[in-house]
Amino acid sequence: MSHHPKKNHHEKPENLSKHAAEDQPGKESAASSSANGGKIEVPAQEYEALKKRVEELEGLREKFLLAAADFENAKKRNARDKEDFIKFSQERILRDLLPVLDNFERAVGHATTASASATSYEALQQNLKTLLAGVQRVQKQFTDALKAQGLKRIETAGQTCNPHFHEVVAHVSEEGPEDQIVDELEPGYMLHDRLLRAAKVRVRVSPQPPEPASEEKPEEIT
């Protein structure tokens, strides 16, 4: 007859707790940590390594904050530079046009003074000729200033109509090469290699032959 060891039903609770702790070492460590006030003891070498790592991370954090501040300052500076560029981008061309404006004012002032002091028709004619010559000189100066900025007038005289540069506003029915520009109603301009404004022109078309007259047969009387 086999004998089984009898379980000791009267084993003390302290022994049970001890056996449970031995079976679950993690809980024993947690209990130990709790008993030490939440502090975990590590070897001195590992502590120094962790301390050094924290210092490196703190240094990287400071570098990141400095880089973020530099980026924000650079963004604001670029925004200001862009605003100034848009505001003053026409400064060069306006500086070149100031002498043209000065000459216009001189021509108008001279014509006004001369007309007021003219005592005869011949004197008025001479003043008009002088004014016209002055205006022509100012026009040339103005054109030269615009050319220096890359403005070029589109050729139209004797040219075949090109829809990329010419805008047809009317057709002229006459003999001659078809699609040839007859005259220019408004000049067109190029700014460097870009179309600034198309020239408005009239273009020649071949005249249509007259339609033959239809012969009407007299109505038959029945």
N, C-alpha and C. Protein backbone atom coordinates (compact mmCIF):
# COMPACT_ATOMS: atom_id res chain seq x y z
N MET A 1 0.85 -1.18 0.00
CA MET A 1 0.00 0.00 0.00
C MET A 1 0.88 1.23 0.00
N SER A 2 0.67 2.16 -1.02
CA SER A 2 1.55 3.34 -1.14
C SER A 2 1.11 4.39 -0.17
N HIS A 3 2.10 5.06 0.37
CA HIS A 3 1.80 6.13 1.33
C HIS A 3 2.17 7.46 0.72
N HIS A 4 1.21 8.34 0.64
CA HIS A 4 1.45 9.71 0.13
C HIS A 4 1.72 10.63 1.29
N PRO A 5 2.71 11.53 1.10
CA PRO A 5 2.98 12.46 2.20
C PRO A 5 1.79 13.36 2.42
N LYS A 6 1.47 13.46 3.64
CA LYS A 6 0.33 14.31 3.94
C LYS A 6 0.74 15.77 3.92
N LYS A 7 -0.17 16.55 3.31
CA LYS A 7 0.07 18.00 3.28
C LYS A 7 -0.17 18.57 4.65
N ASN A 8 0.73 19.51 4.97
CA ASN A 8 0.59 20.14 6.26
C ASN A 8 -0.37 21.28 6.15
N HIS A 9 -1.59 21.05 6.55
CA HIS A 9 -2.60 22.10 6.47
C HIS A 9 -2.41 23.15 7.54
N HIS A 10 -1.49 22.89 8.43
CA HIS A 10 -1.30 23.86 9.51
C HIS A 10 -0.02 24.66 9.29
N GLU A 11 0.48 24.76 8.00
CA GLU A 11 1.72 25.51 7.73
C GLU A 11 1.46 26.98 7.94
N LYS A 12 2.42 27.67 8.52
CA LYS A 12 2.23 29.07 8.87
C LYS A 12 2.21 29.96 7.62
N PRO A 13 1.44 31.08 7.64
CA PRO A 13 1.39 32.01 6.49
C PRO A 13 2.73 32.58 6.15
N GLU A 14 3.64 32.73 7.15
CA GLU A 14 4.95 33.30 6.83
C GLU A 14 5.70 32.41 5.87
N ASN A 15 5.59 31.10 6.07
CA ASN A 15 6.29 30.16 5.19
C ASN A 15 5.71 30.20 3.79
N LEU A 16 4.39 30.37 3.70
CA LEU A 16 3.77 30.48 2.37
C LEU A 16 4.27 31.72 1.64
N SER A 17 4.36 32.81 2.31
CA SER A 17 4.84 34.05 1.68
C SER A 17 6.27 33.89 1.22
N LYS A 18 7.04 33.17 2.01
CA LYS A 18 8.45 32.97 1.65
C LYS A 18 8.57 32.13 0.40
N HIS A 19 7.74 31.04 0.33
CA HIS A 19 7.78 30.19 -0.86
C HIS A 19 7.34 30.97 -2.10
N ALA A 20 6.32 31.83 -1.95
CA ALA A 20 5.83 32.61 -3.11
C ALA A 20 6.89 33.58 -3.58
N ALA A 21 7.61 34.18 -2.69
CA ALA A 21 8.66 35.12 -3.07
C ALA A 21 9.79 34.41 -3.78
N GLU A 22 10.10 33.15 -3.31
CA GLU A 22 11.17 32.40 -3.98
C GLU A 22 10.76 32.01 -5.38
N ASP A 23 9.46 31.69 -5.57
CA ASP A 23 8.99 31.31 -6.92
C ASP A 23 8.93 32.51 -7.86
N GLN A 24 8.79 33.76 -7.36
CA GLN A 24 8.65 34.96 -8.20
C GLN A 24 9.70 35.97 -7.77
N PRO A 25 10.93 35.86 -8.33
CA PRO A 25 12.01 36.76 -7.89
C PRO A 25 11.76 38.21 -8.27
N GLY A 26 11.03 38.46 -9.37
CA GLY A 26 10.77 39.84 -9.78
C GLY A 26 9.99 40.60 -8.75
N LYS A 27 9.01 39.93 -8.17
CA LYS A 27 8.20 40.59 -7.16
C LYS A 27 9.05 40.90 -5.93
N GLU A 28 10.02 40.01 -5.67
CA GLU A 28 10.89 40.25 -4.53
C GLU A 28 11.73 41.51 -4.76
N SER A 29 12.22 41.73 -6.06
CA SER A 29 13.02 42.92 -6.37
C SER A 29 12.18 44.17 -6.25
N ALA A 30 10.92 44.04 -6.72
CA ALA A 30 10.04 45.20 -6.63
C ALA A 30 9.78 45.56 -5.19
N ALA A 31 9.57 44.54 -4.40
CA ALA A 31 9.33 44.80 -2.99
C ALA A 31 10.56 45.42 -2.35
N SER A 32 11.72 44.96 -2.77
CA SER A 32 12.96 45.50 -2.23
C SER A 32 13.15 46.95 -2.64
N SER A 33 12.83 47.26 -3.93
CA SER A 33 12.96 48.63 -4.41
C SER A 33 12.02 49.55 -3.68
N SER A 34 10.81 49.04 -3.43
CA SER A 34 9.84 49.85 -2.71
C SER A 34 10.32 50.12 -1.30
N ALA A 35 10.96 49.15 -0.77
CA ALA A 35 11.45 49.33 0.59
C ALA A 35 12.57 50.36 0.65
N ASN A 36 13.30 50.54 -0.48
CA ASN A 36 14.40 51.51 -0.52
C ASN A 36 13.95 52.89 -0.95
N GLY A 37 12.66 53.13 -0.95
CA GLY A 37 12.16 54.45 -1.31
C GLY A 37 12.19 54.72 -2.80
N GLY A 38 12.06 53.72 -3.69
CA GLY A 38 12.03 53.90 -5.14
C GLY A 38 13.39 54.05 -5.75
N LYS A 39 14.45 53.91 -5.02
CA LYS A 39 15.81 54.04 -5.53
C LYS A 39 16.33 52.69 -5.99
N ILE A 40 17.05 52.73 -7.12
CA ILE A 40 17.64 51.51 -7.66
C ILE A 40 19.15 51.67 -7.61
N GLU A 41 19.80 50.74 -7.01
CA GLU A 41 21.25 50.80 -6.89
C GLU A 41 21.89 50.15 -8.11
N VAL A 42 22.84 50.89 -8.75
CA VAL A 42 23.55 50.38 -9.92
C VAL A 42 25.04 50.51 -9.64
N PRO A 43 25.84 49.74 -10.34
CA PRO A 43 27.29 49.84 -10.16
C PRO A 43 27.79 51.23 -10.52
N ALA A 44 28.89 51.65 -9.92
CA ALA A 44 29.44 52.99 -10.15
C ALA A 44 29.81 53.20 -11.61
N GLN A 45 30.35 52.19 -12.28
CA GLN A 45 30.75 52.31 -13.69
C GLN A 45 29.54 52.58 -14.58
N GLU A 46 28.46 51.82 -14.31
CA GLU A 46 27.24 52.01 -15.11
C GLU A 46 26.62 53.39 -14.84
N TYR A 47 26.71 53.84 -13.58
CA TYR A 47 26.18 55.16 -13.24
C TYR A 47 26.93 56.27 -13.97
N GLU A 48 28.25 56.16 -14.02
CA GLU A 48 29.05 57.17 -14.72
C GLU A 48 28.72 57.18 -16.22
N ALA A 49 28.52 56.00 -16.79
CA ALA A 49 28.17 55.92 -18.21
C ALA A 49 26.82 56.58 -18.48
N LEU A 50 25.83 56.34 -17.60
CA LEU A 50 24.52 56.96 -17.75
C LEU A 50 24.61 58.48 -17.57
N LYS A 51 25.39 58.90 -16.62
CA LYS A 51 25.56 60.33 -16.39
C LYS A 51 26.18 61.02 -17.60
N LYS A 52 27.18 60.36 -18.19
CA LYS A 52 27.82 60.92 -19.38
C LYS A 52 26.83 61.00 -20.55
N ARG A 53 25.99 59.98 -20.67
CA ARG A 53 25.00 59.96 -21.75
C ARG A 53 23.97 61.07 -21.58
N VAL A 54 23.56 61.32 -20.36
CA VAL A 54 22.61 62.41 -20.08
C VAL A 54 23.23 63.75 -20.44
N GLU A 55 24.52 63.93 -20.10
CA GLU A 55 25.20 65.19 -20.44
C GLU A 55 25.27 65.38 -21.96
N GLU A 56 25.54 64.29 -22.69
CA GLU A 56 25.58 64.39 -24.16
C GLU A 56 24.21 64.77 -24.73
N LEU A 57 23.16 64.17 -24.19
CA LEU A 57 21.80 64.48 -24.66
C LEU A 57 21.44 65.94 -24.35
N GLU A 58 21.86 66.41 -23.20
CA GLU A 58 21.59 67.80 -22.85
C GLU A 58 22.32 68.76 -23.79
N GLY A 59 23.56 68.39 -24.16
CA GLY A 59 24.30 69.20 -25.12
C GLY A 59 23.62 69.22 -26.49
N LEU A 60 23.14 68.05 -26.91
CA LEU A 60 22.43 67.99 -28.20
C LEU A 60 21.15 68.82 -28.15
N ARG A 61 20.48 68.81 -26.99
CA ARG A 61 19.26 69.61 -26.86
C ARG A 61 19.56 71.10 -27.00
N GLU A 62 20.64 71.55 -26.36
CA GLU A 62 21.01 72.96 -26.47
C GLU A 62 21.37 73.33 -27.91
N LYS A 63 22.09 72.44 -28.60
CA LYS A 63 22.44 72.70 -30.01
C LYS A 63 21.19 72.77 -30.88
N PHE A 64 20.22 71.90 -30.60
CA PHE A 64 18.97 71.91 -31.37
C PHE A 64 18.22 73.22 -31.15
N LEU A 65 18.16 73.68 -29.90
CA LEU A 65 17.46 74.93 -29.62
C LEU A 65 18.15 76.11 -30.30
N LEU A 66 19.49 76.12 -30.32
CA LEU A 66 20.22 77.19 -31.00
C LEU A 66 19.99 77.16 -32.51
N ALA A 67 19.99 75.93 -33.07
CA ALA A 67 19.76 75.80 -34.51
C ALA A 67 18.34 76.24 -34.88
N ALA A 68 17.37 75.91 -34.04
CA ALA A 68 15.99 76.33 -34.30
C ALA A 68 15.86 77.84 -34.24
N ALA A 69 16.55 78.47 -33.28
CA ALA A 69 16.51 79.94 -33.18
C ALA A 69 17.19 80.58 -34.40
N ASP A 70 18.33 80.03 -34.82
CA ASP A 70 19.01 80.55 -36.01
C ASP A 70 18.14 80.42 -37.25
N PHE A 71 17.46 79.28 -37.38
CA PHE A 71 16.57 79.07 -38.54
C PHE A 71 15.43 80.09 -38.54
N GLU A 72 14.85 80.34 -37.38
CA GLU A 72 13.74 81.30 -37.30
C GLU A 72 14.22 82.71 -37.66
N ASN A 73 15.41 83.08 -37.17
CA ASN A 73 15.97 84.39 -37.50
C ASN A 73 16.27 84.51 -38.99
N ALA A 74 16.81 83.43 -39.57
CA ALA A 74 17.11 83.45 -41.01
C ALA A 74 15.83 83.56 -41.83
N LYS A 75 14.77 82.89 -41.39
CA LYS A 75 13.50 82.98 -42.11
C LYS A 75 12.94 84.40 -42.08
N LYS A 76 13.03 85.04 -40.93
CA LYS A 76 12.56 86.43 -40.82
C LYS A 76 13.41 87.37 -41.67
N ARG A 77 14.74 87.12 -41.67
CA ARG A 77 15.63 87.96 -42.45
C ARG A 77 15.37 87.81 -43.94
N ASN A 78 15.13 86.56 -44.39
CA ASN A 78 14.81 86.33 -45.81
C ASN A 78 13.49 87.00 -46.19
N ALA A 79 12.52 86.99 -45.28
CA ALA A 79 11.24 87.65 -45.56
C ALA A 79 11.43 89.15 -45.73
N ARG A 80 12.27 89.75 -44.87
CA ARG A 80 12.55 91.19 -45.00
C ARG A 80 13.29 91.49 -46.29
N ASP A 81 14.27 90.65 -46.63
CA ASP A 81 15.02 90.87 -47.87
C ASP A 81 14.12 90.76 -49.09
N LYS A 82 13.21 89.80 -49.07
CA LYS A 82 12.27 89.64 -50.19
C LYS A 82 11.36 90.84 -50.31
N GLU A 83 10.89 91.35 -49.18
CA GLU A 83 10.02 92.52 -49.20
C GLU A 83 10.77 93.74 -49.74
N ASP A 84 12.02 93.91 -49.31
CA ASP A 84 12.82 95.04 -49.81
C ASP A 84 13.10 94.90 -51.30
N PHE A 85 13.35 93.67 -51.75
CA PHE A 85 13.63 93.46 -53.18
C PHE A 85 12.42 93.85 -54.02
N ILE A 86 11.23 93.42 -53.58
CA ILE A 86 10.01 93.77 -54.33
C ILE A 86 9.78 95.28 -54.30
N LYS A 87 10.06 95.89 -53.15
CA LYS A 87 9.78 97.32 -53.01
C LYS A 87 10.73 98.17 -53.85
N PHE A 88 12.01 97.75 -53.92
CA PHE A 88 13.01 98.59 -54.58
C PHE A 88 13.55 97.96 -55.88
N SER A 89 12.85 96.98 -56.43
CA SER A 89 13.33 96.32 -57.66
C SER A 89 13.35 97.27 -58.85
N GLN A 90 12.52 98.33 -58.83
CA GLN A 90 12.46 99.27 -59.94
C GLN A 90 13.37 100.48 -59.73
N GLU A 91 14.20 100.42 -58.73
CA GLU A 91 15.04 101.57 -58.41
C GLU A 91 15.98 101.93 -59.57
N ARG A 92 16.56 100.92 -60.19
CA ARG A 92 17.55 101.19 -61.25
C ARG A 92 16.91 101.87 -62.45
N ILE A 93 15.77 101.31 -62.91
CA ILE A 93 15.14 101.89 -64.09
C ILE A 93 14.59 103.28 -63.80
N LEU A 94 14.09 103.48 -62.57
CA LEU A 94 13.58 104.81 -62.23
C LEU A 94 14.71 105.83 -62.16
N ARG A 95 15.87 105.40 -61.68
CA ARG A 95 17.02 106.31 -61.65
C ARG A 95 17.42 106.71 -63.06
N ASP A 96 17.34 105.76 -64.01
CA ASP A 96 17.68 106.08 -65.40
C ASP A 96 16.65 106.99 -66.05
N LEU A 97 15.41 106.95 -65.57
CA LEU A 97 14.35 107.77 -66.17
C LEU A 97 14.28 109.17 -65.56
N LEU A 98 14.93 109.40 -64.45
CA LEU A 98 14.88 110.73 -63.84
C LEU A 98 15.42 111.82 -64.76
N PRO A 99 16.54 111.62 -65.48
CA PRO A 99 16.98 112.66 -66.42
C PRO A 99 15.96 112.95 -67.52
N VAL A 100 15.23 111.93 -67.95
CA VAL A 100 14.18 112.13 -68.95
C VAL A 100 13.10 113.04 -68.38
N LEU A 101 12.71 112.80 -67.15
CA LEU A 101 11.70 113.64 -66.51
C LEU A 101 12.20 115.07 -66.35
N ASP A 102 13.49 115.23 -66.01
CA ASP A 102 14.07 116.57 -65.87
C ASP A 102 14.00 117.32 -67.19
N ASN A 103 14.34 116.66 -68.30
CA ASN A 103 14.33 117.32 -69.60
C ASN A 103 12.91 117.66 -70.04
N PHE A 104 11.94 116.81 -69.71
CA PHE A 104 10.55 117.14 -70.02
C PHE A 104 10.14 118.41 -69.30
N GLU A 105 10.49 118.51 -68.03
CA GLU A 105 10.13 119.70 -67.27
C GLU A 105 10.81 120.94 -67.83
N ARG A 106 12.07 120.82 -68.25
CA ARG A 106 12.77 121.97 -68.83
C ARG A 106 12.10 122.39 -70.14
N ALA A 107 11.74 121.38 -70.99
CA ALA A 107 11.12 121.70 -72.28
C ALA A 107 9.78 122.40 -72.08
N VAL A 108 8.98 121.89 -71.17
CA VAL A 108 7.68 122.52 -70.92
C VAL A 108 7.85 123.92 -70.34
N GLY A 109 8.79 124.08 -69.41
CA GLY A 109 9.02 125.40 -68.84
C GLY A 109 9.52 126.40 -69.87
N HIS A 110 10.44 125.94 -70.74
CA HIS A 110 10.94 126.83 -71.79
C HIS A 110 9.84 127.22 -72.77
N ALA A 111 9.00 126.25 -73.16
CA ALA A 111 7.92 126.54 -74.11
C ALA A 111 6.91 127.50 -73.50
N THR A 112 6.61 127.36 -72.23
CA THR A 112 5.65 128.25 -71.57
C THR A 112 6.19 129.67 -71.52
N THR A 113 7.46 129.83 -71.15
CA THR A 113 8.06 131.17 -71.07
C THR A 113 8.16 131.82 -72.44
N ALA A 114 8.59 131.02 -73.44
CA ALA A 114 8.74 131.58 -74.79
C ALA A 114 7.40 131.97 -75.38
N SER A 115 6.35 131.19 -75.15
CA SER A 115 5.04 131.51 -75.70
C SER A 115 4.48 132.77 -75.07
N ALA A 116 4.75 132.95 -73.78
CA ALA A 116 4.23 134.14 -73.10
C ALA A 116 4.93 135.41 -73.58
N SER A 117 6.20 135.29 -73.99
CA SER A 117 6.95 136.47 -74.43
C SER A 117 6.89 136.67 -75.94
N ALA A 118 6.25 135.77 -76.68
CA ALA A 118 6.18 135.91 -78.15
C ALA A 118 5.23 137.05 -78.51
N THR A 119 5.65 137.86 -79.49
CA THR A 119 4.85 139.02 -79.90
C THR A 119 4.34 138.92 -81.32
N SER A 120 4.69 137.84 -82.00
CA SER A 120 4.25 137.72 -83.39
C SER A 120 4.01 136.25 -83.73
N TYR A 121 3.37 136.04 -84.87
CA TYR A 121 3.09 134.68 -85.33
C TYR A 121 4.38 133.94 -85.64
N GLU A 122 5.37 134.67 -86.21
CA GLU A 122 6.65 134.04 -86.54
C GLU A 122 7.37 133.58 -85.28
N ALA A 123 7.27 134.36 -84.23
CA ALA A 123 7.92 133.99 -82.97
C ALA A 123 7.27 132.73 -82.37
N LEU A 124 5.92 132.64 -82.48
CA LEU A 124 5.24 131.45 -81.99
C LEU A 124 5.64 130.22 -82.77
N GLN A 125 5.79 130.36 -84.09
CA GLN A 125 6.22 129.22 -84.92
C GLN A 125 7.62 128.75 -84.52
N GLN A 126 8.49 129.72 -84.29
CA GLN A 126 9.85 129.37 -83.89
C GLN A 126 9.86 128.66 -82.54
N ASN A 127 9.03 129.11 -81.64
CA ASN A 127 8.94 128.46 -80.33
C ASN A 127 8.43 127.02 -80.46
N LEU A 128 7.46 126.81 -81.34
CA LEU A 128 6.94 125.46 -81.55
C LEU A 128 7.99 124.55 -82.14
N LYS A 129 8.79 125.07 -83.08
CA LYS A 129 9.85 124.26 -83.65
C LYS A 129 10.88 123.88 -82.59
N THR A 130 11.22 124.86 -81.75
CA THR A 130 12.18 124.58 -80.68
C THR A 130 11.62 123.54 -79.71
N LEU A 131 10.33 123.68 -79.38
CA LEU A 131 9.70 122.72 -78.47
C LEU A 131 9.66 121.33 -79.08
N LEU A 132 9.34 121.25 -80.38
CA LEU A 132 9.30 119.95 -81.04
C LEU A 132 10.67 119.28 -81.05
N ALA A 133 11.70 120.05 -81.33
CA ALA A 133 13.06 119.49 -81.32
C ALA A 133 13.42 118.99 -79.92
N GLY A 134 13.03 119.75 -78.90
CA GLY A 134 13.33 119.33 -77.53
C GLY A 134 12.58 118.05 -77.16
N VAL A 135 11.31 117.96 -77.56
CA VAL A 135 10.53 116.76 -77.25
C VAL A 135 11.12 115.55 -77.97
N GLN A 136 11.58 115.73 -79.19
CA GLN A 136 12.18 114.62 -79.93
C GLN A 136 13.46 114.13 -79.25
N ARG A 137 14.24 115.06 -78.74
CA ARG A 137 15.46 114.66 -78.02
C ARG A 137 15.10 113.89 -76.74
N VAL A 138 14.09 114.35 -76.03
CA VAL A 138 13.67 113.67 -74.81
C VAL A 138 13.11 112.29 -75.14
N GLN A 139 12.38 112.17 -76.26
CA GLN A 139 11.85 110.87 -76.68
C GLN A 139 12.98 109.89 -76.95
N LYS A 140 14.00 110.35 -77.63
CA LYS A 140 15.15 109.48 -77.92
C LYS A 140 15.84 109.07 -76.61
N GLN A 141 15.99 110.01 -75.71
CA GLN A 141 16.62 109.70 -74.43
C GLN A 141 15.79 108.68 -73.66
N PHE A 142 14.48 108.84 -73.72
CA PHE A 142 13.59 107.91 -73.03
C PHE A 142 13.68 106.52 -73.66
N THR A 143 13.69 106.45 -74.99
CA THR A 143 13.80 105.17 -75.69
C THR A 143 15.12 104.48 -75.38
N ASP A 144 16.19 105.24 -75.35
CA ASP A 144 17.51 104.65 -75.05
C ASP A 144 17.55 104.10 -73.63
N ALA A 145 16.90 104.79 -72.69
CA ALA A 145 16.87 104.31 -71.30
C ALA A 145 16.11 102.99 -71.20
N LEU A 146 15.02 102.87 -71.94
CA LEU A 146 14.25 101.63 -71.92
C LEU A 146 15.01 100.49 -72.62
N LYS A 147 15.71 100.82 -73.69
CA LYS A 147 16.51 99.79 -74.36
C LYS A 147 17.59 99.24 -73.43
N ALA A 148 18.17 100.12 -72.64
CA ALA A 148 19.20 99.68 -71.70
C ALA A 148 18.64 98.71 -70.66
N GLN A 149 17.33 98.74 -70.43
CA GLN A 149 16.69 97.83 -69.49
C GLN A 149 16.16 96.57 -70.16
N GLY A 150 16.45 96.39 -71.46
CA GLY A 150 16.05 95.17 -72.16
C GLY A 150 14.76 95.29 -72.95
N LEU A 151 14.22 96.51 -73.09
CA LEU A 151 12.98 96.70 -73.85
C LEU A 151 13.31 96.85 -75.34
N LYS A 152 12.59 96.11 -76.18
CA LYS A 152 12.83 96.14 -77.62
C LYS A 152 11.49 96.20 -78.35
N ARG A 153 11.40 97.10 -79.32
CA ARG A 153 10.16 97.24 -80.08
C ARG A 153 10.07 96.14 -81.14
N ILE A 154 8.87 95.59 -81.30
CA ILE A 154 8.66 94.51 -82.26
C ILE A 154 8.53 95.09 -83.66
N GLU A 155 9.25 94.50 -84.60
CA GLU A 155 9.20 94.97 -85.99
C GLU A 155 7.87 94.56 -86.62
N THR A 156 7.31 95.49 -87.38
CA THR A 156 6.04 95.20 -88.07
C THR A 156 6.08 95.58 -89.55
N ALA A 157 6.83 96.60 -89.91
CA ALA A 157 6.82 97.10 -91.28
C ALA A 157 7.33 96.04 -92.24
N GLY A 158 6.48 95.64 -93.22
CA GLY A 158 6.87 94.66 -94.22
C GLY A 158 6.98 93.24 -93.70
N GLN A 159 6.57 93.00 -92.48
CA GLN A 159 6.69 91.67 -91.88
C GLN A 159 5.43 90.84 -92.15
N THR A 160 5.63 89.52 -92.19
CA THR A 160 4.48 88.62 -92.26
C THR A 160 3.92 88.45 -90.86
N CYS A 161 2.62 88.43 -90.75
CA CYS A 161 1.97 88.38 -89.44
C CYS A 161 2.38 87.10 -88.70
N ASN A 162 2.81 87.29 -87.47
CA ASN A 162 3.19 86.18 -86.60
C ASN A 162 2.29 86.25 -85.36
N PRO A 163 1.41 85.27 -85.16
CA PRO A 163 0.48 85.35 -84.02
C PRO A 163 1.17 85.37 -82.67
N HIS A 164 2.45 85.01 -82.60
CA HIS A 164 3.17 85.04 -81.32
C HIS A 164 3.55 86.47 -80.94
N PHE A 165 3.64 87.37 -81.93
CA PHE A 165 4.08 88.74 -81.67
C PHE A 165 3.10 89.80 -82.16
N HIS A 166 2.20 89.43 -83.06
CA HIS A 166 1.28 90.40 -83.67
C HIS A 166 -0.17 90.03 -83.37
N GLU A 167 -0.95 91.03 -83.04
CA GLU A 167 -2.39 90.85 -82.81
C GLU A 167 -3.15 91.52 -83.96
N VAL A 168 -3.85 90.73 -84.74
CA VAL A 168 -4.58 91.25 -85.90
C VAL A 168 -5.89 91.85 -85.40
N VAL A 169 -6.09 93.13 -85.71
CA VAL A 169 -7.33 93.81 -85.30
C VAL A 169 -8.20 94.16 -86.51
N ALA A 170 -7.64 94.03 -87.72
CA ALA A 170 -8.43 94.33 -88.92
C ALA A 170 -7.73 93.71 -90.12
N HIS A 171 -8.50 93.46 -91.17
CA HIS A 171 -7.97 92.94 -92.44
C HIS A 171 -8.21 93.96 -93.54
N VAL A 172 -7.25 94.01 -94.45
CA VAL A 172 -7.34 94.91 -95.60
C VAL A 172 -7.37 94.05 -96.85
N SER A 173 -8.43 94.18 -97.61
CA SER A 173 -8.57 93.41 -98.84
C SER A 173 -7.92 94.18 -99.99
N GLU A 174 -6.75 93.69 -100.45
CA GLU A 174 -6.03 94.34 -101.55
C GLU A 174 -5.06 93.35 -102.17
N GLU A 175 -4.57 93.69 -103.31
CA GLU A 175 -3.61 92.84 -104.00
C GLU A 175 -2.26 92.90 -103.30
N GLY A 176 -1.58 91.76 -103.28
CA GLY A 176 -0.26 91.71 -102.65
C GLY A 176 -0.10 90.45 -101.84
N PRO A 177 1.06 90.27 -101.23
CA PRO A 177 1.29 89.07 -100.40
C PRO A 177 0.26 88.98 -99.28
N GLU A 178 -0.32 87.82 -99.15
CA GLU A 178 -1.34 87.64 -98.11
C GLU A 178 -0.66 87.47 -96.75
N ASP A 179 -1.37 87.88 -95.70
CA ASP A 179 -0.90 87.83 -94.31
C ASP A 179 0.26 88.78 -94.04
N GLN A 180 0.49 89.71 -94.94
CA GLN A 180 1.53 90.71 -94.70
C GLN A 180 0.93 91.90 -93.95
N ILE A 181 1.73 92.45 -93.03
CA ILE A 181 1.25 93.57 -92.22
C ILE A 181 1.19 94.83 -93.08
N VAL A 182 0.02 95.44 -93.08
CA VAL A 182 -0.18 96.67 -93.87
C VAL A 182 0.26 97.88 -93.06
N ASP A 183 -0.21 97.99 -91.82
CA ASP A 183 0.22 99.08 -90.97
C ASP A 183 0.07 98.68 -89.49
N GLU A 184 0.69 99.50 -88.66
CA GLU A 184 0.72 99.22 -87.22
C GLU A 184 -0.18 100.23 -86.51
N LEU A 185 -1.11 99.70 -85.72
CA LEU A 185 -2.01 100.56 -84.97
C LEU A 185 -1.50 100.85 -83.55
N GLU A 186 -0.77 99.90 -83.00
CA GLU A 186 -0.18 100.08 -81.67
C GLU A 186 1.09 99.26 -81.60
N PRO A 187 2.20 99.85 -81.19
CA PRO A 187 3.47 99.10 -81.18
C PRO A 187 3.47 98.02 -80.11
N GLY A 188 4.24 96.97 -80.38
CA GLY A 188 4.43 95.89 -79.40
C GLY A 188 5.87 95.89 -78.91
N TYR A 189 6.09 95.28 -77.76
CA TYR A 189 7.42 95.31 -77.16
C TYR A 189 7.78 93.95 -76.57
N MET A 190 9.08 93.67 -76.58
CA MET A 190 9.67 92.50 -75.94
C MET A 190 10.51 92.98 -74.77
N LEU A 191 10.46 92.25 -73.67
CA LEU A 191 11.36 92.50 -72.55
C LEU A 191 12.34 91.34 -72.50
N HIS A 192 13.55 91.62 -72.97
CA HIS A 192 14.55 90.57 -73.19
C HIS A 192 13.96 89.53 -74.16
N ASP A 193 13.75 88.30 -73.72
CA ASP A 193 13.20 87.26 -74.60
C ASP A 193 11.73 86.97 -74.33
N ARG A 194 11.06 87.82 -73.56
CA ARG A 194 9.66 87.59 -73.20
C ARG A 194 8.78 88.66 -73.82
N LEU A 195 7.62 88.23 -74.34
CA LEU A 195 6.68 89.16 -74.93
C LEU A 195 6.05 90.01 -73.84
N LEU A 196 6.20 91.32 -73.96
CA LEU A 196 5.59 92.25 -73.00
C LEU A 196 4.22 92.71 -73.48
N ARG A 197 4.13 93.03 -74.77
CA ARG A 197 2.83 93.40 -75.36
C ARG A 197 2.89 93.15 -76.86
N ALA A 198 1.87 92.50 -77.37
CA ALA A 198 1.82 92.21 -78.80
C ALA A 198 1.49 93.48 -79.58
N ALA A 199 2.02 93.57 -80.79
CA ALA A 199 1.73 94.72 -81.65
C ALA A 199 0.36 94.53 -82.31
N LYS A 200 -0.44 95.58 -82.29
CA LYS A 200 -1.75 95.54 -82.95
C LYS A 200 -1.59 96.03 -84.39
N VAL A 201 -1.99 95.18 -85.33
CA VAL A 201 -1.71 95.47 -86.74
C VAL A 201 -2.94 95.18 -87.60
N ARG A 202 -2.86 95.71 -88.83
CA ARG A 202 -3.83 95.35 -89.87
C ARG A 202 -3.09 94.51 -90.90
N VAL A 203 -3.75 93.47 -91.38
CA VAL A 203 -3.12 92.48 -92.24
C VAL A 203 -3.85 92.43 -93.58
N ARG A 204 -3.05 92.19 -94.63
CA ARG A 204 -3.60 92.12 -95.99
C ARG A 204 -4.19 90.74 -96.25
N VAL A 205 -5.32 90.72 -96.91
CA VAL A 205 -5.93 89.48 -97.39
C VAL A 205 -6.26 89.66 -98.86
N SER A 206 -6.25 88.55 -99.59
CA SER A 206 -6.55 88.62 -101.03
C SER A 206 -8.01 89.01 -101.23
N PRO A 207 -8.26 89.90 -102.17
CA PRO A 207 -9.65 90.29 -102.43
C PRO A 207 -10.45 89.11 -102.98
N GLN A 208 -11.67 89.01 -102.55
CA GLN A 208 -12.54 87.94 -103.02
C GLN A 208 -13.06 88.26 -104.42
N PRO A 209 -13.05 87.26 -105.31
CA PRO A 209 -13.58 87.53 -106.66
C PRO A 209 -15.08 87.81 -106.60
N PRO A 210 -15.54 88.69 -107.46
CA PRO A 210 -16.98 89.02 -107.44
C PRO A 210 -17.81 87.80 -107.81
N GLU A 211 -18.90 87.67 -107.16
CA GLU A 211 -19.79 86.56 -107.47
C GLU A 211 -20.50 86.80 -108.80
N PRO A 212 -20.57 85.76 -109.61
CA PRO A 212 -21.26 85.95 -110.91
C PRO A 212 -22.74 86.26 -110.71
N ALA A 213 -23.22 87.20 -111.57
CA ALA A 213 -24.63 87.58 -111.45
C ALA A 213 -25.51 86.44 -111.92
N SER A 214 -26.48 86.13 -111.16
CA SER A 214 -27.39 85.04 -111.52
C SER A 214 -28.38 85.51 -112.58
N GLU A 215 -28.54 84.70 -113.61
CA GLU A 215 -29.47 85.03 -114.70
C GLU A 215 -30.87 84.56 -114.32
N GLU A 216 -31.77 85.50 -114.25
CA GLU A 216 -33.14 85.17 -113.91
C GLU A 216 -33.94 84.94 -115.19
N LYS A 217 -34.54 83.78 -115.26
CA LYS A 217 -35.35 83.47 -116.44
C LYS A 217 -36.70 84.17 -116.31
N PRO A 218 -37.16 84.75 -117.41
CA PRO A 218 -38.49 85.39 -117.36
C PRO A 218 -39.58 84.35 -117.08
N GLU A 219 -40.51 84.77 -116.28
CA GLU A 219 -41.60 83.87 -115.96
C GLU A 219 -42.46 83.61 -117.21
N GLU A 220 -42.78 82.38 -117.43
CA GLU A 220 -43.62 82.02 -118.58
C GLU A 220 -45.08 82.33 -118.26
N ILE A 221 -45.73 82.90 -119.26
CA ILE A 221 -47.13 83.21 -119.10
C ILE A 221 -47.94 82.08 -119.68
N THR A 222 -48.75 81.44 -118.89
CA THR A 222 -49.57 80.34 -119.38
C THR A 222 -51.01 80.76 -119.55
